[in-house]
Amino acid sequence: MAIRSSDITFCIKTIHRPWSCHRLVQSLREHIAEPNIVVVDDGQPELRFSEKYPEIAKYCTVINLDRHDVGVGVGRNAAIDTAQTEYIFLLDDDHVITADFHIDRVCEYFAEHELDILAVRQGGGGRPTMLSPLMNGKRIWMHRGEHKRVGAVAWCDMVSNAFLARKETIATLRWDEALKTYEHWEFFYRASHLAKLQIAVATDCSVVHAHVAGTGYRDLRGRSKFRAIGLRKHGFHSMRYPGGQIVRA
């Protein structure tokens, strides 16, 4: 059965980037007719999206969490749990939707290939990525690569934070709420290696990744202790990044 945009809830976790979240919501409304949008905001009250942009926030279901800086895991899980549709599309608050998004094409690929997670590119980023254990399973290597490719669809282990999935699949998998940041690889390690989900990238569809630093945002993201927690959780003592850098737990 064909997936329609009305079957999808666009889920956005935001903190301290109200102008960026506003830009994303506006772009969704420009390119998709009456989109279902959930925004979860764990920022300080004066820096909340709904506080700064009430006129555009009224087109969304906005959840302002009582506790500041609950982290990406808690926020995304709250967004997924709030969605009322069969499908969700996860987005970061610094994404922008353009004509290159091609949501109809994404929905078509998802159904045709019986996928669990189908991402789009993030401009020049978001390429198909693999997560390969090294050193007798003690190091995890994050590197470019794919299992297979059919046309523009490439199967892999890890994709961008701009993806379509069934709500039920992600509500079951969930993000680890102990990880306030560095949650991305851990989520996809469980999705690909443990849950054995079918994960792919539609390489001919994309969002713009228009990064903005935000008020104190860099400090909130750059907390490597959460990367260490994730590594130890799965028995790894280190991680190797695509450029060859090695970080230890």
C-alpha atoms as a PDB file:
ATOM      1  CA  MET A   1       0.000   0.000   0.000  1.00  0.00           C
ATOM      2  CA  ALA A   2       1.310   3.431  -0.911  1.00  0.00           C
ATOM      3  CA  ILE A   3       2.598   5.655   1.902  1.00  0.00           C
ATOM      4  CA  ARG A   4       1.224   9.192   1.813  1.00  0.00           C
ATOM      5  CA  SER A   5       2.692  12.226   3.524  1.00  0.00           C
ATOM      6  CA  SER A   6      -0.414  12.312   5.757  1.00  0.00           C
ATOM      7  CA  ASP A   7       0.702   8.899   7.114  1.00  0.00           C
ATOM      8  CA  ILE A   8       3.955  10.446   8.400  1.00  0.00           C
ATOM      9  CA  THR A   9       4.786  12.522  11.468  1.00  0.00           C
ATOM     10  CA  PHE A  10       7.946  14.631  11.171  1.00  0.00           C
ATOM     11  CA  CYS A  11       9.746  14.394  14.529  1.00  0.00           C
ATOM     12  CA  ILE A  12      12.151  17.135  15.620  1.00  0.00           C
ATOM     13  CA  LYS A  13      14.162  17.351  18.852  1.00  0.00           C
ATOM     14  CA  THR A  14      15.468  20.876  19.482  1.00  0.00           C
ATOM     15  CA  ILE A  15      17.411  22.794  22.100  1.00  0.00           C
ATOM     16  CA  HIS A  16      18.514  26.439  22.069  1.00  0.00           C
ATOM     17  CA  ARG A  17      18.169  26.867  18.287  1.00  0.00           C
ATOM     18  CA  PRO A  18      14.635  28.307  17.943  1.00  0.00           C
ATOM     19  CA  TRP A  19      15.499  30.212  14.746  1.00  0.00           C
ATOM     20  CA  SER A  20      16.786  27.003  13.169  1.00  0.00           C
ATOM     21  CA  CYS A  21      13.750  24.948  14.213  1.00  0.00           C
ATOM     22  CA  HIS A  22      11.502  27.697  12.845  1.00  0.00           C
ATOM     23  CA  ARG A  23      13.340  27.544   9.506  1.00  0.00           C
ATOM     24  CA  LEU A  24      12.850  23.760   9.297  1.00  0.00           C
ATOM     25  CA  VAL A  25       9.135  23.904  10.145  1.00  0.00           C
ATOM     26  CA  GLN A  26       8.607  26.644   7.562  1.00  0.00           C
ATOM     27  CA  SER A  27      10.410  24.590   4.914  1.00  0.00           C
ATOM     28  CA  LEU A  28       8.310  21.492   5.695  1.00  0.00           C
ATOM     29  CA  ARG A  29       5.145  23.548   5.297  1.00  0.00           C
ATOM     30  CA  GLU A  30       6.383  24.966   2.002  1.00  0.00           C
ATOM     31  CA  HIS A  31       7.053  21.565   0.442  1.00  0.00           C
ATOM     32  CA  ILE A  32       4.470  19.262   2.063  1.00  0.00           C
ATOM     33  CA  ALA A  33       0.736  19.898   2.323  1.00  0.00           C
ATOM     34  CA  GLU A  34      -0.324  20.223   5.973  1.00  0.00           C
ATOM     35  CA  PRO A  35       2.521  18.129   7.448  1.00  0.00           C
ATOM     36  CA  ASN A  36       2.138  16.445  10.839  1.00  0.00           C
ATOM     37  CA  ILE A  37       4.987  17.846  12.970  1.00  0.00           C
ATOM     38  CA  VAL A  38       6.052  17.082  16.545  1.00  0.00           C
ATOM     39  CA  VAL A  39       8.697  19.298  18.173  1.00  0.00           C
ATOM     40  CA  VAL A  40      10.255  18.324  21.502  1.00  0.00           C
ATOM     41  CA  ASP A  41      12.141  21.176  23.187  1.00  0.00           C
ATOM     42  CA  ASP A  42      14.247  20.754  26.345  1.00  0.00           C
ATOM     43  CA  GLY A  43      15.777  24.229  26.242  1.00  0.00           C
ATOM     44  CA  GLN A  44      15.610  27.037  28.759  1.00  0.00           C
ATOM     45  CA  PRO A  45      12.158  28.690  28.633  1.00  0.00           C
ATOM     46  CA  GLU A  46      13.406  31.945  27.092  1.00  0.00           C
ATOM     47  CA  LEU A  47      15.131  30.045  24.252  1.00  0.00           C
ATOM     48  CA  ARG A  48      12.264  27.751  23.308  1.00  0.00           C
ATOM     49  CA  PHE A  49      10.940  27.517  19.764  1.00  0.00           C
ATOM     50  CA  SER A  50       7.337  28.063  20.901  1.00  0.00           C
ATOM     51  CA  GLU A  51       8.365  31.132  22.919  1.00  0.00           C
ATOM     52  CA  LYS A  52      10.266  32.771  20.074  1.00  0.00           C
ATOM     53  CA  TYR A  53       7.971  31.765  17.195  1.00  0.00           C
ATOM     54  CA  PRO A  54       4.439  31.178  18.535  1.00  0.00           C
ATOM     55  CA  GLU A  55       2.824  31.877  15.139  1.00  0.00           C
ATOM     56  CA  ILE A  56       4.623  29.005  13.400  1.00  0.00           C
ATOM     57  CA  ALA A  57       4.644  26.750  16.501  1.00  0.00           C
ATOM     58  CA  LYS A  58       0.841  26.580  16.393  1.00  0.00           C
ATOM     59  CA  TYR A  59       1.149  24.371  13.310  1.00  0.00           C
ATOM     60  CA  CYS A  60       3.071  21.776  15.349  1.00  0.00           C
ATOM     61  CA  THR A  61       2.492  19.595  18.371  1.00  0.00           C
ATOM     62  CA  VAL A  62       5.071  21.164  20.684  1.00  0.00           C
ATOM     63  CA  ILE A  63       6.247  19.374  23.826  1.00  0.00           C
ATOM     64  CA  ASN A  64       8.185  21.662  26.153  1.00  0.00           C
ATOM     65  CA  LEU A  65       9.901  19.348  28.608  1.00  0.00           C
ATOM     66  CA  ASP A  66      10.037  20.526  32.215  1.00  0.00           C
ATOM     67  CA  ARG A  67      13.658  19.510  32.671  1.00  0.00           C
ATOM     68  CA  HIS A  68      16.404  21.369  30.802  1.00  0.00           C
ATOM     69  CA  ASP A  69      18.927  19.317  28.768  1.00  0.00           C
ATOM     70  CA  VAL A  70      17.333  15.885  29.077  1.00  0.00           C
ATOM     71  CA  GLY A  71      19.412  14.897  26.063  1.00  0.00           C
ATOM     72  CA  VAL A  72      18.823  13.663  22.555  1.00  0.00           C
ATOM     73  CA  GLY A  73      17.680  10.178  23.590  1.00  0.00           C
ATOM     74  CA  VAL A  74      14.890  11.281  25.919  1.00  0.00           C
ATOM     75  CA  GLY A  75      13.773  14.014  23.512  1.00  0.00           C
ATOM     76  CA  ARG A  76      13.593  11.819  20.419  1.00  0.00           C
ATOM     77  CA  ASN A  77      11.810   9.039  22.290  1.00  0.00           C
ATOM     78  CA  ALA A  78       9.234  11.558  23.492  1.00  0.00           C
ATOM     79  CA  ALA A  79       8.683  12.757  19.919  1.00  0.00           C
ATOM     80  CA  ILE A  80       8.214   9.205  18.599  1.00  0.00           C
ATOM     81  CA  ASP A  81       5.826   8.299  21.423  1.00  0.00           C
ATOM     82  CA  THR A  82       3.722  11.382  20.640  1.00  0.00           C
ATOM     83  CA  ALA A  83       3.357  10.620  16.921  1.00  0.00           C
ATOM     84  CA  GLN A  84      -0.121   9.405  15.958  1.00  0.00           C
ATOM     85  CA  THR A  85       0.705   8.107  12.482  1.00  0.00           C
ATOM     86  CA  GLU A  86       1.980   4.753  11.224  1.00  0.00           C
ATOM     87  CA  TYR A  87       5.243   6.302   9.997  1.00  0.00           C
ATOM     88  CA  ILE A  88       7.689   8.848  11.380  1.00  0.00           C
ATOM     89  CA  PHE A  89      10.361  10.908   9.673  1.00  0.00           C
ATOM     90  CA  LEU A  90      13.166  11.966  11.980  1.00  0.00           C
ATOM     91  CA  LEU A  91      14.820  15.336  11.359  1.00  0.00           C
ATOM     92  CA  ASP A  92      17.465  17.410  13.141  1.00  0.00           C
ATOM     93  CA  ASP A  93      16.515  20.999  13.919  1.00  0.00           C
ATOM     94  CA  ASP A  94      19.191  22.364  11.568  1.00  0.00           C
ATOM     95  CA  HIS A  95      17.854  20.567   8.493  1.00  0.00           C
ATOM     96  CA  VAL A  96      16.052  22.462   5.738  1.00  0.00           C
ATOM     97  CA  ILE A  97      13.614  20.864   3.285  1.00  0.00           C
ATOM     98  CA  THR A  98      13.988  21.785  -0.395  1.00  0.00           C
ATOM     99  CA  ALA A  99      12.723  20.444  -3.716  1.00  0.00           C
ATOM    100  CA  ASP A 100      15.532  17.829  -3.507  1.00  0.00           C
ATOM    101  CA  PHE A 101      13.763  16.081  -0.601  1.00  0.00           C
ATOM    102  CA  HIS A 102      11.438  14.052  -2.901  1.00  0.00           C
ATOM    103  CA  ILE A 103       9.298  12.597  -0.107  1.00  0.00           C
ATOM    104  CA  ASP A 104       7.095  10.720  -2.602  1.00  0.00           C
ATOM    105  CA  ARG A 105      10.179   8.970  -3.995  1.00  0.00           C
ATOM    106  CA  VAL A 106      11.375   8.119  -0.458  1.00  0.00           C
ATOM    107  CA  CYS A 107       7.981   6.565   0.353  1.00  0.00           C
ATOM    108  CA  GLU A 108       8.035   4.586  -2.898  1.00  0.00           C
ATOM    109  CA  TYR A 109      11.537   3.181  -2.249  1.00  0.00           C
ATOM    110  CA  PHE A 110      10.657   2.331   1.355  1.00  0.00           C
ATOM    111  CA  ALA A 111       7.648   0.225   0.336  1.00  0.00           C
ATOM    112  CA  GLU A 112       9.238  -1.292  -2.770  1.00  0.00           C
ATOM    113  CA  HIS A 113      12.321  -2.609  -0.950  1.00  0.00           C
ATOM    114  CA  GLU A 114      10.560  -3.536   2.335  1.00  0.00           C
ATOM    115  CA  LEU A 115      12.935  -1.405   4.376  1.00  0.00           C
ATOM    116  CA  ASP A 116      12.896  -0.625   8.106  1.00  0.00           C
ATOM    117  CA  ILE A 117      14.831   2.661   7.927  1.00  0.00           C
ATOM    118  CA  LEU A 118      15.356   4.736   4.783  1.00  0.00           C
ATOM    119  CA  ALA A 119      17.399   7.918   5.075  1.00  0.00           C
ATOM    120  CA  VAL A 120      18.086  10.761   2.679  1.00  0.00           C
ATOM    121  CA  ARG A 121      21.418  12.477   2.150  1.00  0.00           C
ATOM    122  CA  GLN A 122      22.393  15.580   4.144  1.00  0.00           C
ATOM    123  CA  GLY A 123      23.775  17.716   1.345  1.00  0.00           C
ATOM    124  CA  GLY A 124      27.308  16.394   0.832  1.00  0.00           C
ATOM    125  CA  GLY A 125      27.026  14.174   3.918  1.00  0.00           C
ATOM    126  CA  GLY A 126      24.845  11.263   4.931  1.00  0.00           C
ATOM    127  CA  ARG A 127      26.546   8.759   2.635  1.00  0.00           C
ATOM    128  CA  PRO A 128      26.109   5.021   3.284  1.00  0.00           C
ATOM    129  CA  THR A 129      28.227   4.076   6.308  1.00  0.00           C
ATOM    130  CA  MET A 130      29.278   0.773   7.881  1.00  0.00           C
ATOM    131  CA  LEU A 131      30.026  -0.137  11.493  1.00  0.00           C
ATOM    132  CA  SER A 132      32.640  -2.907  11.493  1.00  0.00           C
ATOM    133  CA  PRO A 133      34.112  -4.508  14.634  1.00  0.00           C
ATOM    134  CA  LEU A 134      37.933  -4.747  14.642  1.00  0.00           C
ATOM    135  CA  MET A 135      40.557  -6.191  17.030  1.00  0.00           C
ATOM    136  CA  ASN A 136      38.512  -9.248  18.049  1.00  0.00           C
ATOM    137  CA  GLY A 137      35.451  -7.094  18.520  1.00  0.00           C
ATOM    138  CA  LYS A 138      37.087  -4.584  20.851  1.00  0.00           C
ATOM    139  CA  ARG A 139      37.139  -1.625  18.445  1.00  0.00           C
ATOM    140  CA  ILE A 140      34.248  -0.368  16.299  1.00  0.00           C
ATOM    141  CA  TRP A 141      35.210   1.115  12.931  1.00  0.00           C
ATOM    142  CA  MET A 142      32.924   3.688  11.348  1.00  0.00           C
ATOM    143  CA  HIS A 143      33.647   3.865   7.606  1.00  0.00           C
ATOM    144  CA  ARG A 144      32.115   4.544   4.223  1.00  0.00           C
ATOM    145  CA  GLY A 145      30.648   1.470   2.588  1.00  0.00           C
ATOM    146  CA  GLU A 146      27.497  -0.448   1.748  1.00  0.00           C
ATOM    147  CA  HIS A 147      26.142  -3.986   1.729  1.00  0.00           C
ATOM    148  CA  LYS A 148      24.494  -3.675  -1.678  1.00  0.00           C
ATOM    149  CA  ARG A 149      22.920  -1.146  -4.022  1.00  0.00           C
ATOM    150  CA  VAL A 150      19.800  -1.235  -6.183  1.00  0.00           C
ATOM    151  CA  GLY A 151      19.560   1.862  -8.347  1.00  0.00           C
ATOM    152  CA  ALA A 152      19.780   4.872  -6.058  1.00  0.00           C
ATOM    153  CA  VAL A 153      19.141   2.849  -2.869  1.00  0.00           C
ATOM    154  CA  ALA A 154      22.208   1.708  -0.893  1.00  0.00           C
ATOM    155  CA  TRP A 155      21.954  -0.710   2.055  1.00  0.00           C
ATOM    156  CA  CYS A 156      24.315  -0.065   4.970  1.00  0.00           C
ATOM    157  CA  ASP A 157      24.625   0.007   8.794  1.00  0.00           C
ATOM    158  CA  MET A 158      24.369   3.714   9.597  1.00  0.00           C
ATOM    159  CA  VAL A 159      22.638   6.646   7.902  1.00  0.00           C
ATOM    160  CA  SER A 160      21.857  10.306   8.560  1.00  0.00           C
ATOM    161  CA  ASN A 161      19.422  11.705  11.132  1.00  0.00           C
ATOM    162  CA  ALA A 162      16.923  12.302   8.329  1.00  0.00           C
ATOM    163  CA  PHE A 163      15.055   9.042   7.864  1.00  0.00           C
ATOM    164  CA  LEU A 164      11.674   7.410   7.326  1.00  0.00           C
ATOM    165  CA  ALA A 165      10.606   4.433   9.456  1.00  0.00           C
ATOM    166  CA  ARG A 166       7.535   2.790  10.900  1.00  0.00           C
ATOM    167  CA  LYS A 167       6.729   4.363  14.235  1.00  0.00           C
ATOM    168  CA  GLU A 168       6.397   0.917  15.839  1.00  0.00           C
ATOM    169  CA  THR A 169       9.914  -0.076  14.740  1.00  0.00           C
ATOM    170  CA  ILE A 170      11.554   3.008  16.284  1.00  0.00           C
ATOM    171  CA  ALA A 171       9.322   2.997  19.377  1.00  0.00           C
ATOM    172  CA  THR A 172      10.600  -0.550  20.021  1.00  0.00           C
ATOM    173  CA  LEU A 173      14.263   0.155  19.238  1.00  0.00           C
ATOM    174  CA  ARG A 174      14.376   3.586  20.947  1.00  0.00           C
ATOM    175  CA  TRP A 175      17.365   5.787  21.711  1.00  0.00           C
ATOM    176  CA  ASP A 176      19.386   5.048  24.846  1.00  0.00           C
ATOM    177  CA  GLU A 177      18.219   7.731  27.276  1.00  0.00           C
ATOM    178  CA  ALA A 178      21.518   7.582  29.181  1.00  0.00           C
ATOM    179  CA  LEU A 179      23.237   9.092  26.134  1.00  0.00           C
ATOM    180  CA  LYS A 180      22.592  12.829  26.007  1.00  0.00           C
ATOM    181  CA  THR A 181      24.883  13.079  22.990  1.00  0.00           C
ATOM    182  CA  TYR A 182      27.077  10.747  20.849  1.00  0.00           C
ATOM    183  CA  GLU A 183      23.881   8.706  20.557  1.00  0.00           C
ATOM    184  CA  HIS A 184      23.914   8.318  16.774  1.00  0.00           C
ATOM    185  CA  TRP A 185      26.357   5.462  16.206  1.00  0.00           C
ATOM    186  CA  GLU A 186      25.024   3.549  19.228  1.00  0.00           C
ATOM    187  CA  PHE A 187      21.446   3.711  17.947  1.00  0.00           C
ATOM    188  CA  PHE A 188      22.502   2.436  14.531  1.00  0.00           C
ATOM    189  CA  TYR A 189      24.825  -0.217  15.958  1.00  0.00           C
ATOM    190  CA  ARG A 190      21.830  -1.737  17.751  1.00  0.00           C
ATOM    191  CA  ALA A 191      19.582  -1.227  14.711  1.00  0.00           C
ATOM    192  CA  SER A 192      21.948  -2.910  12.251  1.00  0.00           C
ATOM    193  CA  HIS A 193      23.993  -5.431  14.260  1.00  0.00           C
ATOM    194  CA  LEU A 194      21.567  -6.448  17.026  1.00  0.00           C
ATOM    195  CA  ALA A 195      18.044  -5.842  15.673  1.00  0.00           C
ATOM    196  CA  LYS A 196      19.180  -6.712  12.095  1.00  0.00           C
ATOM    197  CA  LEU A 197      16.990  -4.014  10.549  1.00  0.00           C
ATOM    198  CA  GLN A 198      17.024  -3.297   6.833  1.00  0.00           C
ATOM    199  CA  ILE A 199      18.688   0.152   6.647  1.00  0.00           C
ATOM    200  CA  ALA A 200      19.384   2.118   3.486  1.00  0.00           C
ATOM    201  CA  VAL A 201      20.016   5.562   1.981  1.00  0.00           C
ATOM    202  CA  ALA A 202      18.100   7.037  -0.948  1.00  0.00           C
ATOM    203  CA  THR A 203      21.142   8.646  -2.539  1.00  0.00           C
ATOM    204  CA  ASP A 204      19.052  10.753  -4.941  1.00  0.00           C
ATOM    205  CA  CYS A 205      17.040  12.459  -2.172  1.00  0.00           C
ATOM    206  CA  SER A 206      18.380  14.966   0.345  1.00  0.00           C
ATOM    207  CA  VAL A 207      17.873  17.651   2.954  1.00  0.00           C
ATOM    208  CA  VAL A 208      20.104  20.665   3.459  1.00  0.00           C
ATOM    209  CA  HIS A 209      22.203  20.481   6.629  1.00  0.00           C
ATOM    210  CA  ALA A 210      22.450  24.171   7.497  1.00  0.00           C
ATOM    211  CA  HIS A 211      24.347  23.930  10.770  1.00  0.00           C
ATOM    212  CA  VAL A 212      24.131  26.733  13.310  1.00  0.00           C
ATOM    213  CA  ALA A 213      26.075  26.749  16.562  1.00  0.00           C
ATOM    214  CA  GLY A 214      23.324  28.158  18.774  1.00  0.00           C
ATOM    215  CA  THR A 215      23.524  29.445  22.333  1.00  0.00           C
ATOM    216  CA  GLY A 216      25.791  27.063  24.222  1.00  0.00           C
ATOM    217  CA  TYR A 217      24.983  24.335  21.700  1.00  0.00           C
ATOM    218  CA  ARG A 218      28.582  23.267  21.125  1.00  0.00           C
ATOM    219  CA  ASP A 219      29.073  22.699  24.847  1.00  0.00           C
ATOM    220  CA  LEU A 220      25.940  20.547  24.979  1.00  0.00           C
ATOM    221  CA  ARG A 221      27.060  18.352  22.048  1.00  0.00           C
ATOM    222  CA  GLY A 222      30.753  18.005  22.863  1.00  0.00           C
ATOM    223  CA  ARG A 223      30.570  15.753  25.922  1.00  0.00           C
ATOM    224  CA  SER A 224      32.724  12.733  25.125  1.00  0.00           C
ATOM    225  CA  LYS A 225      31.834  10.911  28.344  1.00  0.00           C
ATOM    226  CA  PHE A 226      28.596   9.876  26.628  1.00  0.00           C
ATOM    227  CA  ARG A 227      30.549   8.337  23.734  1.00  0.00           C
ATOM    228  CA  ALA A 228      32.549   6.356  26.308  1.00  0.00           C
ATOM    229  CA  ILE A 229      29.345   5.109  27.959  1.00  0.00           C
ATOM    230  CA  GLY A 230      28.067   3.850  24.607  1.00  0.00           C
ATOM    231  CA  LEU A 231      31.345   2.125  23.734  1.00  0.00           C
ATOM    232  CA  ARG A 232      31.578   0.335  27.074  1.00  0.00           C
ATOM    233  CA  LYS A 233      27.927  -0.698  26.842  1.00  0.00           C
ATOM    234  CA  HIS A 234      28.743  -2.820  23.776  1.00  0.00           C
ATOM    235  CA  GLY A 235      32.138  -4.052  24.962  1.00  0.00           C
ATOM    236  CA  PHE A 236      34.302  -1.753  22.813  1.00  0.00           C
ATOM    237  CA  HIS A 237      37.439  -0.076  24.147  1.00  0.00           C
ATOM    238  CA  SER A 238      37.790   2.327  21.196  1.00  0.00           C
ATOM    239  CA  MET A 239      36.290   3.722  18.013  1.00  0.00           C
ATOM    240  CA  ARG A 240      37.950   4.446  14.675  1.00  0.00           C
ATOM    241  CA  TYR A 241      36.422   7.263  12.643  1.00  0.00           C
ATOM    242  CA  PRO A 242      36.330   7.399   8.794  1.00  0.00           C
ATOM    243  CA  GLY A 243      39.352   9.729   8.672  1.00  0.00           C
ATOM    244  CA  GLY A 244      41.438   7.277  10.736  1.00  0.00           C
ATOM    245  CA  GLN A 245      41.182   9.069  14.105  1.00  0.00           C
ATOM    246  CA  ILE A 246      40.963   6.668  17.036  1.00  0.00           C
ATOM    247  CA  VAL A 247      39.197   7.619  20.278  1.00  0.00           C
ATOM    248  CA  ARG A 248      39.212   5.444  23.376  1.00  0.00           C
ATOM    249  CA  ALA A 249      36.543   4.758  25.966  1.00  0.00           C
END
